[in-house]
Amino acid sequence: MKILIAALLCCLPLLATAEEKLPRDVAQFIEQAQMCEHFAGEWDDHDKARQREITQAVASSCGQAQRQWKRLSAKYARQPALQKVIADNANDAVRSFRK
């Protein structure tokens, strides 16, 4: 888990340059949505402790991304370019998350 977090932190500068023209809240949503999709795609039947970590990470990242998605969709409803960015990053894991 620590290695994954370290790897993601190393990639943040690359994401920041690609998304620096976006409002901060939209960029944060994109990061959270990517984390949600990543953890939602993991599964480990053999390691119960790891599976608990994955389940907690999904609940945290997907729950937060879903709340951000709904809030940002309303906030930027009259800005089609941002609406497209938000919609494009609201992946299936974000859209279908149920706690």
N, C-alpha and C. Protein backbone atom coordinates (compact mmCIF):
# COMPACT_ATOMS: atom_id res chain seq x y z
N MET A 1 0.83 -1.19 0.00
CA MET A 1 0.00 0.00 0.00
C MET A 1 0.87 1.25 0.00
N LYS A 2 1.93 1.24 0.82
CA LYS A 2 2.81 2.40 0.90
C LYS A 2 3.53 2.63 -0.43
N ILE A 3 3.89 1.54 -1.11
CA ILE A 3 4.56 1.66 -2.40
C ILE A 3 3.61 2.28 -3.42
N LEU A 4 2.35 1.86 -3.39
CA LEU A 4 1.35 2.41 -4.31
C LEU A 4 1.18 3.91 -4.09
N ILE A 5 1.08 4.31 -2.84
CA ILE A 5 0.92 5.73 -2.52
C ILE A 5 2.15 6.51 -2.98
N ALA A 6 3.33 5.96 -2.73
CA ALA A 6 4.56 6.64 -3.16
C ALA A 6 4.61 6.78 -4.68
N ALA A 7 4.20 5.74 -5.39
CA ALA A 7 4.19 5.79 -6.85
C ALA A 7 3.20 6.85 -7.36
N LEU A 8 2.04 6.91 -6.72
CA LEU A 8 1.04 7.90 -7.13
C LEU A 8 1.53 9.33 -6.86
N LEU A 9 2.20 9.51 -5.73
CA LEU A 9 2.71 10.84 -5.40
C LEU A 9 3.79 11.28 -6.39
N CYS A 10 4.55 10.33 -6.89
CA CYS A 10 5.57 10.65 -7.90
C CYS A 10 4.93 11.12 -9.21
N CYS A 11 3.73 10.63 -9.49
CA CYS A 11 3.05 10.98 -10.73
C CYS A 11 2.27 12.28 -10.64
N LEU A 12 2.05 12.79 -9.45
CA LEU A 12 1.24 14.00 -9.29
C LEU A 12 1.79 15.20 -10.06
N PRO A 13 3.10 15.43 -10.09
CA PRO A 13 3.58 16.56 -10.89
C PRO A 13 3.21 16.44 -12.37
N LEU A 14 3.19 15.23 -12.89
CA LEU A 14 2.80 15.02 -14.29
C LEU A 14 1.32 15.36 -14.48
N LEU A 15 0.50 14.95 -13.52
CA LEU A 15 -0.92 15.26 -13.60
C LEU A 15 -1.15 16.76 -13.45
N ALA A 16 -0.39 17.39 -12.59
CA ALA A 16 -0.57 18.82 -12.33
C ALA A 16 -0.31 19.63 -13.59
N THR A 17 0.71 19.28 -14.36
CA THR A 17 0.99 20.05 -15.58
C THR A 17 -0.10 19.83 -16.61
N ALA A 18 -0.63 18.61 -16.68
CA ALA A 18 -1.67 18.33 -17.66
C ALA A 18 -3.00 18.98 -17.28
N GLU A 19 -3.21 19.21 -15.99
CA GLU A 19 -4.50 19.72 -15.53
C GLU A 19 -4.41 21.12 -14.93
N GLU A 20 -3.30 21.80 -15.13
CA GLU A 20 -3.13 23.08 -14.44
C GLU A 20 -4.11 24.15 -14.90
N LYS A 21 -4.71 23.99 -16.06
CA LYS A 21 -5.67 24.97 -16.54
C LYS A 21 -7.07 24.72 -15.99
N LEU A 22 -7.26 23.61 -15.32
CA LEU A 22 -8.56 23.29 -14.74
C LEU A 22 -8.68 23.92 -13.36
N PRO A 23 -9.90 24.24 -12.95
CA PRO A 23 -10.09 24.69 -11.57
C PRO A 23 -9.61 23.61 -10.60
N ARG A 24 -9.14 24.04 -9.46
CA ARG A 24 -8.57 23.11 -8.49
C ARG A 24 -9.56 22.01 -8.09
N ASP A 25 -10.82 22.38 -7.88
CA ASP A 25 -11.79 21.37 -7.45
C ASP A 25 -12.03 20.31 -8.52
N VAL A 26 -11.95 20.70 -9.79
CA VAL A 26 -12.12 19.74 -10.88
C VAL A 26 -10.90 18.82 -10.96
N ALA A 27 -9.72 19.38 -10.82
CA ALA A 27 -8.50 18.57 -10.82
C ALA A 27 -8.50 17.58 -9.66
N GLN A 28 -8.97 18.01 -8.50
CA GLN A 28 -9.04 17.11 -7.34
C GLN A 28 -10.05 15.99 -7.59
N PHE A 29 -11.16 16.33 -8.25
CA PHE A 29 -12.15 15.31 -8.60
C PHE A 29 -11.54 14.26 -9.53
N ILE A 30 -10.78 14.71 -10.52
CA ILE A 30 -10.16 13.78 -11.47
C ILE A 30 -9.24 12.82 -10.73
N GLU A 31 -8.43 13.34 -9.83
CA GLU A 31 -7.53 12.48 -9.04
C GLU A 31 -8.33 11.45 -8.23
N GLN A 32 -9.38 11.91 -7.57
CA GLN A 32 -10.19 11.02 -6.73
C GLN A 32 -10.89 9.98 -7.58
N ALA A 33 -11.39 10.37 -8.75
CA ALA A 33 -12.07 9.43 -9.64
C ALA A 33 -11.10 8.36 -10.14
N GLN A 34 -9.87 8.75 -10.42
CA GLN A 34 -8.87 7.79 -10.87
C GLN A 34 -8.52 6.80 -9.75
N MET A 35 -8.42 7.30 -8.53
CA MET A 35 -8.16 6.43 -7.39
C MET A 35 -9.33 5.46 -7.19
N CYS A 36 -10.52 5.96 -7.32
CA CYS A 36 -11.72 5.14 -7.18
C CYS A 36 -11.70 4.00 -8.20
N GLU A 37 -11.44 4.32 -9.44
CA GLU A 37 -11.41 3.30 -10.49
C GLU A 37 -10.31 2.28 -10.24
N HIS A 38 -9.16 2.77 -9.79
CA HIS A 38 -8.04 1.86 -9.51
C HIS A 38 -8.41 0.85 -8.43
N PHE A 39 -8.88 1.34 -7.30
CA PHE A 39 -9.19 0.44 -6.19
C PHE A 39 -10.40 -0.44 -6.49
N ALA A 40 -11.37 0.08 -7.23
CA ALA A 40 -12.55 -0.73 -7.57
C ALA A 40 -12.16 -1.90 -8.47
N GLY A 41 -11.07 -1.77 -9.19
CA GLY A 41 -10.61 -2.84 -10.07
C GLY A 41 -9.72 -3.87 -9.39
N GLU A 42 -9.38 -3.66 -8.14
CA GLU A 42 -8.53 -4.61 -7.41
C GLU A 42 -9.40 -5.62 -6.67
N TRP A 43 -8.85 -6.81 -6.51
CA TRP A 43 -9.52 -7.82 -5.70
C TRP A 43 -8.47 -8.82 -5.26
N ASP A 44 -8.53 -9.23 -4.01
CA ASP A 44 -7.56 -10.19 -3.49
C ASP A 44 -8.29 -11.19 -2.60
N ASP A 45 -8.62 -12.34 -3.16
CA ASP A 45 -9.34 -13.38 -2.42
C ASP A 45 -8.48 -14.06 -1.36
N HIS A 46 -7.17 -14.02 -1.54
CA HIS A 46 -6.29 -14.79 -0.68
C HIS A 46 -5.84 -14.04 0.56
N ASP A 47 -5.90 -12.75 0.54
CA ASP A 47 -5.41 -11.96 1.67
C ASP A 47 -6.55 -11.11 2.21
N LYS A 48 -7.16 -11.58 3.29
CA LYS A 48 -8.34 -10.90 3.85
C LYS A 48 -8.01 -9.49 4.34
N ALA A 49 -6.81 -9.32 4.93
CA ALA A 49 -6.42 -7.99 5.41
C ALA A 49 -6.29 -7.02 4.25
N ARG A 50 -5.69 -7.47 3.17
CA ARG A 50 -5.54 -6.62 1.97
C ARG A 50 -6.91 -6.30 1.39
N GLN A 51 -7.80 -7.27 1.38
CA GLN A 51 -9.14 -7.03 0.85
C GLN A 51 -9.87 -5.99 1.69
N ARG A 52 -9.68 -5.99 3.01
CA ARG A 52 -10.29 -4.97 3.86
C ARG A 52 -9.74 -3.58 3.49
N GLU A 53 -8.42 -3.51 3.25
CA GLU A 53 -7.81 -2.24 2.84
C GLU A 53 -8.41 -1.74 1.53
N ILE A 54 -8.57 -2.66 0.59
CA ILE A 54 -9.13 -2.30 -0.72
C ILE A 54 -10.57 -1.81 -0.55
N THR A 55 -11.36 -2.53 0.24
CA THR A 55 -12.76 -2.16 0.48
C THR A 55 -12.85 -0.77 1.11
N GLN A 56 -11.98 -0.49 2.08
CA GLN A 56 -11.97 0.83 2.71
C GLN A 56 -11.54 1.91 1.72
N ALA A 57 -10.55 1.61 0.89
CA ALA A 57 -10.09 2.58 -0.10
C ALA A 57 -11.17 2.87 -1.14
N VAL A 58 -11.91 1.84 -1.54
CA VAL A 58 -13.02 2.04 -2.48
C VAL A 58 -14.08 2.92 -1.85
N ALA A 59 -14.47 2.62 -0.61
CA ALA A 59 -15.50 3.40 0.06
C ALA A 59 -15.07 4.86 0.19
N SER A 60 -13.83 5.08 0.54
CA SER A 60 -13.34 6.44 0.73
C SER A 60 -13.23 7.19 -0.60
N SER A 61 -12.49 6.63 -1.54
CA SER A 61 -12.24 7.35 -2.80
C SER A 61 -13.49 7.44 -3.67
N CYS A 62 -14.25 6.37 -3.77
CA CYS A 62 -15.45 6.40 -4.62
C CYS A 62 -16.55 7.26 -4.00
N GLY A 63 -16.68 7.18 -2.68
CA GLY A 63 -17.68 8.02 -2.01
C GLY A 63 -17.37 9.50 -2.18
N GLN A 64 -16.11 9.84 -1.99
CA GLN A 64 -15.71 11.25 -2.15
C GLN A 64 -15.85 11.69 -3.61
N ALA A 65 -15.42 10.85 -4.54
CA ALA A 65 -15.51 11.21 -5.95
C ALA A 65 -16.97 11.39 -6.38
N GLN A 66 -17.84 10.53 -5.88
CA GLN A 66 -19.26 10.64 -6.24
C GLN A 66 -19.86 11.94 -5.72
N ARG A 67 -19.53 12.29 -4.48
CA ARG A 67 -20.03 13.56 -3.92
C ARG A 67 -19.48 14.75 -4.72
N GLN A 68 -18.20 14.70 -5.06
CA GLN A 68 -17.59 15.77 -5.86
C GLN A 68 -18.26 15.86 -7.22
N TRP A 69 -18.50 14.73 -7.85
CA TRP A 69 -19.11 14.68 -9.18
C TRP A 69 -20.47 15.39 -9.17
N LYS A 70 -21.28 15.06 -8.19
CA LYS A 70 -22.61 15.68 -8.11
C LYS A 70 -22.51 17.18 -7.85
N ARG A 71 -21.63 17.57 -6.94
CA ARG A 71 -21.46 18.99 -6.61
C ARG A 71 -20.90 19.77 -7.80
N LEU A 72 -19.88 19.23 -8.46
CA LEU A 72 -19.25 19.93 -9.57
C LEU A 72 -20.17 19.99 -10.79
N SER A 73 -20.95 18.95 -11.00
CA SER A 73 -21.90 18.96 -12.12
C SER A 73 -22.88 20.12 -11.99
N ALA A 74 -23.33 20.37 -10.77
CA ALA A 74 -24.24 21.49 -10.53
C ALA A 74 -23.48 22.82 -10.60
N LYS A 75 -22.32 22.88 -10.00
CA LYS A 75 -21.54 24.12 -9.95
C LYS A 75 -21.16 24.62 -11.34
N TYR A 76 -20.77 23.69 -12.22
CA TYR A 76 -20.30 24.07 -13.56
C TYR A 76 -21.32 23.74 -14.65
N ALA A 77 -22.60 23.73 -14.28
CA ALA A 77 -23.67 23.37 -15.22
C ALA A 77 -23.70 24.27 -16.45
N ARG A 78 -23.28 25.50 -16.31
CA ARG A 78 -23.34 26.44 -17.44
C ARG A 78 -21.99 26.62 -18.13
N GLN A 79 -21.08 25.70 -17.89
CA GLN A 79 -19.76 25.75 -18.53
C GLN A 79 -19.52 24.42 -19.26
N PRO A 80 -19.93 24.33 -20.52
CA PRO A 80 -19.89 23.07 -21.26
C PRO A 80 -18.51 22.40 -21.30
N ALA A 81 -17.46 23.16 -21.40
CA ALA A 81 -16.12 22.56 -21.47
C ALA A 81 -15.80 21.83 -20.17
N LEU A 82 -16.11 22.46 -19.05
CA LEU A 82 -15.85 21.81 -17.76
C LEU A 82 -16.83 20.66 -17.52
N GLN A 83 -18.06 20.82 -17.98
CA GLN A 83 -19.03 19.73 -17.86
C GLN A 83 -18.53 18.49 -18.58
N LYS A 84 -17.92 18.68 -19.75
CA LYS A 84 -17.39 17.54 -20.52
C LYS A 84 -16.24 16.88 -19.77
N VAL A 85 -15.34 17.67 -19.21
CA VAL A 85 -14.21 17.12 -18.44
C VAL A 85 -14.74 16.32 -17.25
N ILE A 86 -15.69 16.88 -16.55
CA ILE A 86 -16.27 16.21 -15.38
C ILE A 86 -16.96 14.90 -15.80
N ALA A 87 -17.78 14.96 -16.84
CA ALA A 87 -18.49 13.77 -17.31
C ALA A 87 -17.52 12.71 -17.81
N ASP A 88 -16.49 13.12 -18.51
CA ASP A 88 -15.51 12.16 -19.04
C ASP A 88 -14.75 11.45 -17.93
N ASN A 89 -14.61 12.08 -16.78
CA ASN A 89 -13.86 11.48 -15.68
C ASN A 89 -14.74 10.82 -14.63
N ALA A 90 -16.03 10.95 -14.78
CA ALA A 90 -16.96 10.26 -13.87
C ALA A 90 -17.12 8.83 -14.39
N ASN A 91 -16.13 7.99 -14.10
CA ASN A 91 -16.11 6.63 -14.61
C ASN A 91 -17.22 5.78 -13.97
N ASP A 92 -17.35 4.55 -14.44
CA ASP A 92 -18.41 3.67 -13.94
C ASP A 92 -18.31 3.44 -12.43
N ALA A 93 -17.08 3.35 -11.92
CA ALA A 93 -16.91 3.12 -10.48
C ALA A 93 -17.47 4.29 -9.67
N VAL A 94 -17.29 5.50 -10.18
CA VAL A 94 -17.83 6.69 -9.49
C VAL A 94 -19.34 6.73 -9.63
N ARG A 95 -19.83 6.53 -10.83
CA ARG A 95 -21.26 6.65 -11.09
C ARG A 95 -22.10 5.58 -10.36
N SER A 96 -21.54 4.38 -10.24
CA SER A 96 -22.33 3.27 -9.69
C SER A 96 -22.03 2.97 -8.23
N PHE A 97 -21.18 3.75 -7.59
CA PHE A 97 -20.80 3.45 -6.20
C PHE A 97 -22.01 3.51 -5.29
N ARG A 98 -22.13 2.48 -4.45
CA ARG A 98 -23.17 2.42 -3.42
C ARG A 98 -22.49 2.00 -2.14
N LYS A 99 -22.71 2.75 -1.10
CA LYS A 99 -22.09 2.44 0.19
C LYS A 99 -22.76 1.29 0.87
